[in-house]
């Protein structure tokens, strides 16, 4: 069996390289001895017959309406994948488009797909810099950078984790992201899966479990993860977060 990892709208939703999270999943799967491929989906007609994991990156506000238009054509599939336990990672505006909606600074609003609880709302000033999150579900500390002009409200009961450094969802919540089942929305850029292999492996474990196979990180992953860990420690130090909290 070949694991099929879908990268949604990479031509529109890849401002911070987040679409490359799909390549990270595919590489780690191959290093584990599995067959894996990345399928770029720019239109509903591009969808493969089987989908094992989904990545949706972040784009600019200029592409919001076009991206929403395409995603509406995938609404039923996205809802079904979420219900069936297909791991989905949505970052930045990709996450916002899956929410209840997006309120823009000029007073306009863009209706979301309603896949994830909460909505994006304007904030005073831009949040940009290191973001460190103590995630639930045994994921430890997640590191990356944030770069967003909106806060996120309405998902307080189902967040990805607690902010250790940075803004995250904002509004004084001390929380970051949203997690509903196997669907994750986050502000973490990086790409997040390259900097946080534990999260990448959790997605692959879920994808393989659904297909009746097993996933165990390969030797190459262990080697690469040493570099990721060194980069993580540097970022944690710069953010003033003790690496001992990564448990």
C-alpha atoms as a PDB file:
ATOM      1  CA  UNK A   1       0.000   0.000   0.000  1.00  0.00           C
ATOM      2  CA  UNK A   2       1.134   3.544  -0.747  1.00  0.00           C
ATOM      3  CA  UNK A   3       0.410   6.316   1.746  1.00  0.00           C
ATOM      4  CA  UNK A   4      -1.144   9.215  -0.125  1.00  0.00           C
ATOM      5  CA  UNK A   5      -0.539  12.623   1.423  1.00  0.00           C
ATOM      6  CA  UNK A   6      -2.594  15.430  -0.059  1.00  0.00           C
ATOM      7  CA  UNK A   7      -1.212  18.964  -0.190  1.00  0.00           C
ATOM      8  CA  UNK A   8      -4.181  21.288  -0.631  1.00  0.00           C
ATOM      9  CA  UNK A   9      -3.753  24.400  -2.795  1.00  0.00           C
ATOM     10  CA  UNK A  10       0.053  24.636  -2.592  1.00  0.00           C
ATOM     11  CA  UNK A  11       0.095  27.360  -5.261  1.00  0.00           C
ATOM     12  CA  UNK A  12      -2.102  29.603  -3.092  1.00  0.00           C
ATOM     13  CA  UNK A  13      -1.418  28.395   0.434  1.00  0.00           C
ATOM     14  CA  UNK A  14       2.355  28.224   0.798  1.00  0.00           C
ATOM     15  CA  UNK A  15       3.449  31.703   1.861  1.00  0.00           C
ATOM     16  CA  UNK A  16       5.641  30.448   4.700  1.00  0.00           C
ATOM     17  CA  UNK A  17       6.587  27.090   3.176  1.00  0.00           C
ATOM     18  CA  UNK A  18       3.853  25.309   5.125  1.00  0.00           C
ATOM     19  CA  UNK A  19       2.825  23.159   2.167  1.00  0.00           C
ATOM     20  CA  UNK A  20       6.188  21.430   2.594  1.00  0.00           C
ATOM     21  CA  UNK A  21       4.795  19.715   5.680  1.00  0.00           C
ATOM     22  CA  UNK A  22       3.442  17.185   3.190  1.00  0.00           C
ATOM     23  CA  UNK A  23       6.986  16.479   1.974  1.00  0.00           C
ATOM     24  CA  UNK A  24       8.095  15.975   5.581  1.00  0.00           C
ATOM     25  CA  UNK A  25       5.412  13.336   6.132  1.00  0.00           C
ATOM     26  CA  UNK A  26       6.297  11.556   2.895  1.00  0.00           C
ATOM     27  CA  UNK A  27      10.022  11.536   3.678  1.00  0.00           C
ATOM     28  CA  UNK A  28       9.545  10.145   7.187  1.00  0.00           C
ATOM     29  CA  UNK A  29       7.205   7.480   5.851  1.00  0.00           C
ATOM     30  CA  UNK A  30       9.770   6.402   3.253  1.00  0.00           C
ATOM     31  CA  UNK A  31      12.529   6.360   5.878  1.00  0.00           C
ATOM     32  CA  UNK A  32      10.290   3.968   7.813  1.00  0.00           C
ATOM     33  CA  UNK A  33      10.238   1.626   4.810  1.00  0.00           C
ATOM     34  CA  UNK A  34       6.784   2.638   3.566  1.00  0.00           C
ATOM     35  CA  UNK A  35       5.736   3.730   0.112  1.00  0.00           C
ATOM     36  CA  UNK A  36       4.486   7.312   0.149  1.00  0.00           C
ATOM     37  CA  UNK A  37       3.564  10.004  -2.324  1.00  0.00           C
ATOM     38  CA  UNK A  38       2.484  13.650  -2.179  1.00  0.00           C
ATOM     39  CA  UNK A  39      -0.415  14.693  -4.387  1.00  0.00           C
ATOM     40  CA  UNK A  40      -0.916  18.409  -4.982  1.00  0.00           C
ATOM     41  CA  UNK A  41      -4.619  19.232  -5.154  1.00  0.00           C
ATOM     42  CA  UNK A  42      -5.413  22.606  -6.734  1.00  0.00           C
ATOM     43  CA  UNK A  43      -8.926  21.625  -7.792  1.00  0.00           C
ATOM     44  CA  UNK A  44     -11.461  18.994  -6.629  1.00  0.00           C
ATOM     45  CA  UNK A  45     -10.787  17.090  -9.847  1.00  0.00           C
ATOM     46  CA  UNK A  46      -7.194  16.521  -8.685  1.00  0.00           C
ATOM     47  CA  UNK A  47      -8.257  14.447  -5.672  1.00  0.00           C
ATOM     48  CA  UNK A  48      -6.794  10.930  -5.608  1.00  0.00           C
ATOM     49  CA  UNK A  49      -9.031   7.964  -4.906  1.00  0.00           C
ATOM     50  CA  UNK A  50      -7.408   7.374  -1.504  1.00  0.00           C
ATOM     51  CA  UNK A  51      -6.336  10.022   1.011  1.00  0.00           C
ATOM     52  CA  UNK A  52      -4.290   9.106   4.094  1.00  0.00           C
ATOM     53  CA  UNK A  53      -3.247  12.551   5.380  1.00  0.00           C
ATOM     54  CA  UNK A  54      -3.920  16.173   4.437  1.00  0.00           C
ATOM     55  CA  UNK A  55      -1.832  19.340   4.694  1.00  0.00           C
ATOM     56  CA  UNK A  56      -3.203  22.847   4.112  1.00  0.00           C
ATOM     57  CA  UNK A  57      -0.717  25.698   4.376  1.00  0.00           C
ATOM     58  CA  UNK A  58      -1.059  29.435   4.900  1.00  0.00           C
ATOM     59  CA  UNK A  59      -1.528  32.057   2.202  1.00  0.00           C
ATOM     60  CA  UNK A  60      -1.910  35.799   1.929  1.00  0.00           C
ATOM     61  CA  UNK A  61      -5.147  37.658   2.577  1.00  0.00           C
ATOM     62  CA  UNK A  62      -5.242  38.427  -1.136  1.00  0.00           C
ATOM     63  CA  UNK A  63      -5.800  34.730  -1.850  1.00  0.00           C
ATOM     64  CA  UNK A  64      -8.419  34.108   0.862  1.00  0.00           C
ATOM     65  CA  UNK A  65     -11.497  34.309  -1.342  1.00  0.00           C
ATOM     66  CA  UNK A  66      -9.982  32.256  -4.162  1.00  0.00           C
ATOM     67  CA  UNK A  67      -8.802  29.596  -1.716  1.00  0.00           C
ATOM     68  CA  UNK A  68     -12.205  29.521  -0.052  1.00  0.00           C
ATOM     69  CA  UNK A  69     -13.878  29.055  -3.419  1.00  0.00           C
ATOM     70  CA  UNK A  70     -11.783  25.963  -4.166  1.00  0.00           C
ATOM     71  CA  UNK A  71     -12.099  24.552  -0.640  1.00  0.00           C
ATOM     72  CA  UNK A  72     -15.887  24.843  -0.816  1.00  0.00           C
ATOM     73  CA  UNK A  73     -15.723  22.275  -3.587  1.00  0.00           C
ATOM     74  CA  UNK A  74     -13.957  19.964  -1.113  1.00  0.00           C
ATOM     75  CA  UNK A  75     -16.234  20.697   1.847  1.00  0.00           C
ATOM     76  CA  UNK A  76     -17.895  17.275   1.952  1.00  0.00           C
ATOM     77  CA  UNK A  77     -14.555  15.490   1.636  1.00  0.00           C
ATOM     78  CA  UNK A  78     -12.956  17.599   4.384  1.00  0.00           C
ATOM     79  CA  UNK A  79     -15.843  16.914   6.737  1.00  0.00           C
ATOM     80  CA  UNK A  80     -15.763  13.203   5.927  1.00  0.00           C
ATOM     81  CA  UNK A  81     -11.995  12.988   6.423  1.00  0.00           C
ATOM     82  CA  UNK A  82     -12.326  14.689   9.801  1.00  0.00           C
ATOM     83  CA  UNK A  83     -15.073  12.281  10.843  1.00  0.00           C
ATOM     84  CA  UNK A  84     -13.178   9.217   9.628  1.00  0.00           C
ATOM     85  CA  UNK A  85      -9.960  10.129  11.439  1.00  0.00           C
ATOM     86  CA  UNK A  86      -7.797  11.183   8.503  1.00  0.00           C
ATOM     87  CA  UNK A  87      -5.058  13.358  10.044  1.00  0.00           C
ATOM     88  CA  UNK A  88      -5.349  16.941   8.788  1.00  0.00           C
ATOM     89  CA  UNK A  89      -2.897  19.762   9.513  1.00  0.00           C
ATOM     90  CA  UNK A  90      -3.999  23.302   8.638  1.00  0.00           C
ATOM     91  CA  UNK A  91      -1.710  26.285   9.220  1.00  0.00           C
ATOM     92  CA  UNK A  92      -2.370  30.021   9.334  1.00  0.00           C
ATOM     93  CA  UNK A  93      -5.003  31.209   6.879  1.00  0.00           C
ATOM     94  CA  UNK A  94      -5.586  27.589   5.849  1.00  0.00           C
ATOM     95  CA  UNK A  95      -6.735  26.927   9.407  1.00  0.00           C
ATOM     96  CA  UNK A  96      -8.809  30.127   9.436  1.00  0.00           C
ATOM     97  CA  UNK A  97     -10.619  29.043   6.264  1.00  0.00           C
ATOM     98  CA  UNK A  98     -11.643  25.794   7.967  1.00  0.00           C
ATOM     99  CA  UNK A  99     -13.103  27.731  10.917  1.00  0.00           C
ATOM    100  CA  UNK A 100     -16.503  29.379  11.355  1.00  0.00           C
ATOM    101  CA  UNK A 101     -15.199  32.472   9.607  1.00  0.00           C
ATOM    102  CA  UNK A 102     -12.669  35.283   9.255  1.00  0.00           C
ATOM    103  CA  UNK A 103     -13.285  38.887  10.285  1.00  0.00           C
ATOM    104  CA  UNK A 104     -11.060  41.299   8.363  1.00  0.00           C
ATOM    105  CA  UNK A 105      -9.696  44.620   9.607  1.00  0.00           C
ATOM    106  CA  UNK A 106     -11.710  46.553   6.995  1.00  0.00           C
ATOM    107  CA  UNK A 107     -14.979  45.236   8.437  1.00  0.00           C
ATOM    108  CA  UNK A 108     -15.590  42.544   5.837  1.00  0.00           C
ATOM    109  CA  UNK A 109     -16.133  38.940   6.843  1.00  0.00           C
ATOM    110  CA  UNK A 110     -15.371  35.717   5.002  1.00  0.00           C
ATOM    111  CA  UNK A 111     -17.468  32.713   5.894  1.00  0.00           C
ATOM    112  CA  UNK A 112     -15.424  29.648   6.775  1.00  0.00           C
ATOM    113  CA  UNK A 113     -16.150  26.013   6.024  1.00  0.00           C
ATOM    114  CA  UNK A 114     -17.146  25.259   9.630  1.00  0.00           C
ATOM    115  CA  UNK A 115     -14.880  22.230   9.958  1.00  0.00           C
ATOM    116  CA  UNK A 116     -13.164  23.596  13.088  1.00  0.00           C
ATOM    117  CA  UNK A 117     -14.649  25.493  16.019  1.00  0.00           C
ATOM    118  CA  UNK A 118     -13.829  29.182  16.437  1.00  0.00           C
ATOM    119  CA  UNK A 119     -13.200  32.172  14.231  1.00  0.00           C
ATOM    120  CA  UNK A 120     -10.382  34.565  13.343  1.00  0.00           C
ATOM    121  CA  UNK A 121     -10.777  38.188  14.479  1.00  0.00           C
ATOM    122  CA  UNK A 122      -8.598  41.310  14.001  1.00  0.00           C
ATOM    123  CA  UNK A 123      -5.937  42.071  16.608  1.00  0.00           C
ATOM    124  CA  UNK A 124      -4.080  45.249  17.533  1.00  0.00           C
ATOM    125  CA  UNK A 125      -0.728  44.893  15.816  1.00  0.00           C
ATOM    126  CA  UNK A 126       0.846  41.896  14.154  1.00  0.00           C
ATOM    127  CA  UNK A 127       2.043  38.853  16.117  1.00  0.00           C
ATOM    128  CA  UNK A 128       5.441  37.853  14.745  1.00  0.00           C
ATOM    129  CA  UNK A 129       8.278  35.910  16.331  1.00  0.00           C
ATOM    130  CA  UNK A 130       9.027  32.680  18.159  1.00  0.00           C
ATOM    131  CA  UNK A 131       6.072  30.581  19.276  1.00  0.00           C
ATOM    132  CA  UNK A 132       6.462  27.750  21.780  1.00  0.00           C
ATOM    133  CA  UNK A 133       3.503  25.605  22.810  1.00  0.00           C
ATOM    134  CA  UNK A 134       3.131  22.929  25.480  1.00  0.00           C
ATOM    135  CA  UNK A 135       0.894  20.567  23.554  1.00  0.00           C
ATOM    136  CA  UNK A 136      -1.459  17.964  24.927  1.00  0.00           C
ATOM    137  CA  UNK A 137      -1.598  14.331  23.900  1.00  0.00           C
ATOM    138  CA  UNK A 138       2.037  13.530  24.625  1.00  0.00           C
ATOM    139  CA  UNK A 139       3.392  15.879  21.942  1.00  0.00           C
ATOM    140  CA  UNK A 140       5.589  17.841  24.346  1.00  0.00           C
ATOM    141  CA  UNK A 141       6.807  21.276  23.325  1.00  0.00           C
ATOM    142  CA  UNK A 142       6.031  22.436  19.800  1.00  0.00           C
ATOM    143  CA  UNK A 143       8.262  25.168  18.393  1.00  0.00           C
ATOM    144  CA  UNK A 144       8.025  27.401  15.363  1.00  0.00           C
ATOM    145  CA  UNK A 145       7.316  30.997  14.475  1.00  0.00           C
ATOM    146  CA  UNK A 146       4.095  32.931  14.199  1.00  0.00           C
ATOM    147  CA  UNK A 147       3.226  35.700  11.763  1.00  0.00           C
ATOM    148  CA  UNK A 148      -0.432  36.711  11.861  1.00  0.00           C
ATOM    149  CA  UNK A 149      -2.661  39.784  12.073  1.00  0.00           C
ATOM    150  CA  UNK A 150      -5.657  38.027  13.630  1.00  0.00           C
ATOM    151  CA  UNK A 151      -6.449  36.367  16.935  1.00  0.00           C
ATOM    152  CA  UNK A 152      -8.558  33.234  17.221  1.00  0.00           C
ATOM    153  CA  UNK A 153     -11.575  32.939  19.517  1.00  0.00           C
ATOM    154  CA  UNK A 154     -14.233  30.345  20.251  1.00  0.00           C
ATOM    155  CA  UNK A 155     -12.030  27.257  20.496  1.00  0.00           C
ATOM    156  CA  UNK A 156     -11.046  27.496  24.156  1.00  0.00           C
ATOM    157  CA  UNK A 157     -12.332  24.005  24.931  1.00  0.00           C
ATOM    158  CA  UNK A 158     -10.365  22.289  22.170  1.00  0.00           C
ATOM    159  CA  UNK A 159      -6.986  23.956  21.772  1.00  0.00           C
ATOM    160  CA  UNK A 160      -3.715  22.400  20.665  1.00  0.00           C
ATOM    161  CA  UNK A 161      -1.893  23.492  23.823  1.00  0.00           C
ATOM    162  CA  UNK A 162      -0.704  26.239  26.186  1.00  0.00           C
ATOM    163  CA  UNK A 163       1.553  29.053  25.024  1.00  0.00           C
ATOM    164  CA  UNK A 164       4.992  29.094  26.654  1.00  0.00           C
ATOM    165  CA  UNK A 165       6.350  31.946  24.517  1.00  0.00           C
ATOM    166  CA  UNK A 166       4.656  34.103  21.906  1.00  0.00           C
ATOM    167  CA  UNK A 167       1.048  35.119  21.340  1.00  0.00           C
ATOM    168  CA  UNK A 168      -0.766  32.100  19.887  1.00  0.00           C
ATOM    169  CA  UNK A 169      -4.530  32.550  19.770  1.00  0.00           C
ATOM    170  CA  UNK A 170      -4.170  35.860  21.617  1.00  0.00           C
ATOM    171  CA  UNK A 171      -6.766  37.830  23.590  1.00  0.00           C
ATOM    172  CA  UNK A 172      -4.970  36.825  26.790  1.00  0.00           C
ATOM    173  CA  UNK A 173      -6.087  33.209  26.393  1.00  0.00           C
ATOM    174  CA  UNK A 174      -2.604  31.734  26.793  1.00  0.00           C
ATOM    175  CA  UNK A 175      -3.669  29.088  24.294  1.00  0.00           C
ATOM    176  CA  UNK A 176      -2.627  28.111  20.794  1.00  0.00           C
ATOM    177  CA  UNK A 177      -4.366  26.423  17.931  1.00  0.00           C
ATOM    178  CA  UNK A 178      -7.306  24.096  17.849  1.00  0.00           C
ATOM    179  CA  UNK A 179      -7.493  20.314  17.841  1.00  0.00           C
ATOM    180  CA  UNK A 180     -10.656  18.389  17.112  1.00  0.00           C
ATOM    181  CA  UNK A 181     -10.017  14.677  16.796  1.00  0.00           C
ATOM    182  CA  UNK A 182      -7.301  14.273  14.183  1.00  0.00           C
ATOM    183  CA  UNK A 183      -7.772  17.744  12.700  1.00  0.00           C
ATOM    184  CA  UNK A 184      -5.248  20.356  13.863  1.00  0.00           C
ATOM    185  CA  UNK A 185      -5.169  24.084  13.210  1.00  0.00           C
ATOM    186  CA  UNK A 186      -2.140  26.130  14.271  1.00  0.00           C
ATOM    187  CA  UNK A 187      -0.232  29.384  13.803  1.00  0.00           C
ATOM    188  CA  UNK A 188       3.061  27.460  13.897  1.00  0.00           C
ATOM    189  CA  UNK A 189       5.197  27.935  10.802  1.00  0.00           C
ATOM    190  CA  UNK A 190       8.573  26.310  10.317  1.00  0.00           C
ATOM    191  CA  UNK A 191       7.446  24.112   8.583  1.00  0.00           C
ATOM    192  CA  UNK A 192       6.047  22.849  11.857  1.00  0.00           C
ATOM    193  CA  UNK A 193       6.512  19.137  11.093  1.00  0.00           C
ATOM    194  CA  UNK A 194      10.207  19.555  10.251  1.00  0.00           C
ATOM    195  CA  UNK A 195      10.862  21.222  13.600  1.00  0.00           C
ATOM    196  CA  UNK A 196       8.542  18.921  15.554  1.00  0.00           C
ATOM    197  CA  UNK A 197       9.045  15.312  14.436  1.00  0.00           C
ATOM    198  CA  UNK A 198       6.941  14.030  17.327  1.00  0.00           C
ATOM    199  CA  UNK A 199       3.895  15.684  15.761  1.00  0.00           C
ATOM    200  CA  UNK A 200       4.797  14.352  12.310  1.00  0.00           C
ATOM    201  CA  UNK A 201       5.133  10.831  13.697  1.00  0.00           C
ATOM    202  CA  UNK A 202       1.784  11.109  15.499  1.00  0.00           C
ATOM    203  CA  UNK A 203       0.118  11.948  12.193  1.00  0.00           C
ATOM    204  CA  UNK A 204       1.847   9.059  10.438  1.00  0.00           C
ATOM    205  CA  UNK A 205       0.956   6.625  13.212  1.00  0.00           C
ATOM    206  CA  UNK A 206      -2.692   7.603  12.820  1.00  0.00           C
ATOM    207  CA  UNK A 207      -2.584   7.370   9.032  1.00  0.00           C
ATOM    208  CA  UNK A 208      -0.990   3.927   9.171  1.00  0.00           C
ATOM    209  CA  UNK A 209      -3.376   2.668  11.855  1.00  0.00           C
ATOM    210  CA  UNK A 210      -6.308   3.564   9.604  1.00  0.00           C
ATOM    211  CA  UNK A 211      -4.776   1.540   6.789  1.00  0.00           C
ATOM    212  CA  UNK A 212      -4.074  -1.473   8.977  1.00  0.00           C
ATOM    213  CA  UNK A 213      -0.291  -1.031   8.974  1.00  0.00           C
ATOM    214  CA  UNK A 214       2.256   0.036  11.575  1.00  0.00           C
ATOM    215  CA  UNK A 215       4.602   2.986  11.670  1.00  0.00           C
ATOM    216  CA  UNK A 216       7.949   3.154  13.437  1.00  0.00           C
ATOM    217  CA  UNK A 217      10.519   5.897  12.697  1.00  0.00           C
ATOM    218  CA  UNK A 218      13.396   4.672  10.561  1.00  0.00           C
ATOM    219  CA  UNK A 219      17.117   5.089  11.225  1.00  0.00           C
ATOM    220  CA  UNK A 220      17.302   8.056   8.882  1.00  0.00           C
ATOM    221  CA  UNK A 221      14.566   9.800  10.901  1.00  0.00           C
ATOM    222  CA  UNK A 222      16.554   9.279  14.091  1.00  0.00           C
ATOM    223  CA  UNK A 223      19.598  10.860  12.448  1.00  0.00           C
ATOM    224  CA  UNK A 224      17.663  13.832  11.057  1.00  0.00           C
ATOM    225  CA  UNK A 225      15.885  14.348  14.362  1.00  0.00           C
ATOM    226  CA  UNK A 226      19.224  15.101  16.028  1.00  0.00           C
ATOM    227  CA  UNK A 227      19.522  18.185  13.822  1.00  0.00           C
ATOM    228  CA  UNK A 228      15.925  19.124  14.558  1.00  0.00           C
ATOM    229  CA  UNK A 229      16.566  18.779  18.283  1.00  0.00           C
ATOM    230  CA  UNK A 230      19.631  21.011  18.111  1.00  0.00           C
ATOM    231  CA  UNK A 231      17.595  23.678  16.297  1.00  0.00           C
ATOM    232  CA  UNK A 232      14.774  23.300  18.819  1.00  0.00           C
ATOM    233  CA  UNK A 233      17.119  23.834  21.756  1.00  0.00           C
ATOM    234  CA  UNK A 234      18.472  27.013  20.211  1.00  0.00           C
ATOM    235  CA  UNK A 235      14.962  28.338  19.632  1.00  0.00           C
ATOM    236  CA  UNK A 236      13.824  27.399  23.130  1.00  0.00           C
ATOM    237  CA  UNK A 237      16.841  29.165  24.606  1.00  0.00           C
ATOM    238  CA  UNK A 238      16.144  32.286  22.534  1.00  0.00           C
ATOM    239  CA  UNK A 239      12.505  32.212  23.635  1.00  0.00           C
ATOM    240  CA  UNK A 240      13.477  31.801  27.293  1.00  0.00           C
ATOM    241  CA  UNK A 241      11.850  28.389  27.670  1.00  0.00           C
ATOM    242  CA  UNK A 242      13.649  25.585  29.497  1.00  0.00           C
ATOM    243  CA  UNK A 243      14.194  22.528  27.314  1.00  0.00           C
ATOM    244  CA  UNK A 244      13.464  20.392  30.389  1.00  0.00           C
ATOM    245  CA  UNK A 245       9.810  21.285  29.880  1.00  0.00           C
ATOM    246  CA  UNK A 246       9.842  19.203  26.703  1.00  0.00           C
ATOM    247  CA  UNK A 247       8.384  16.035  28.195  1.00  0.00           C
END
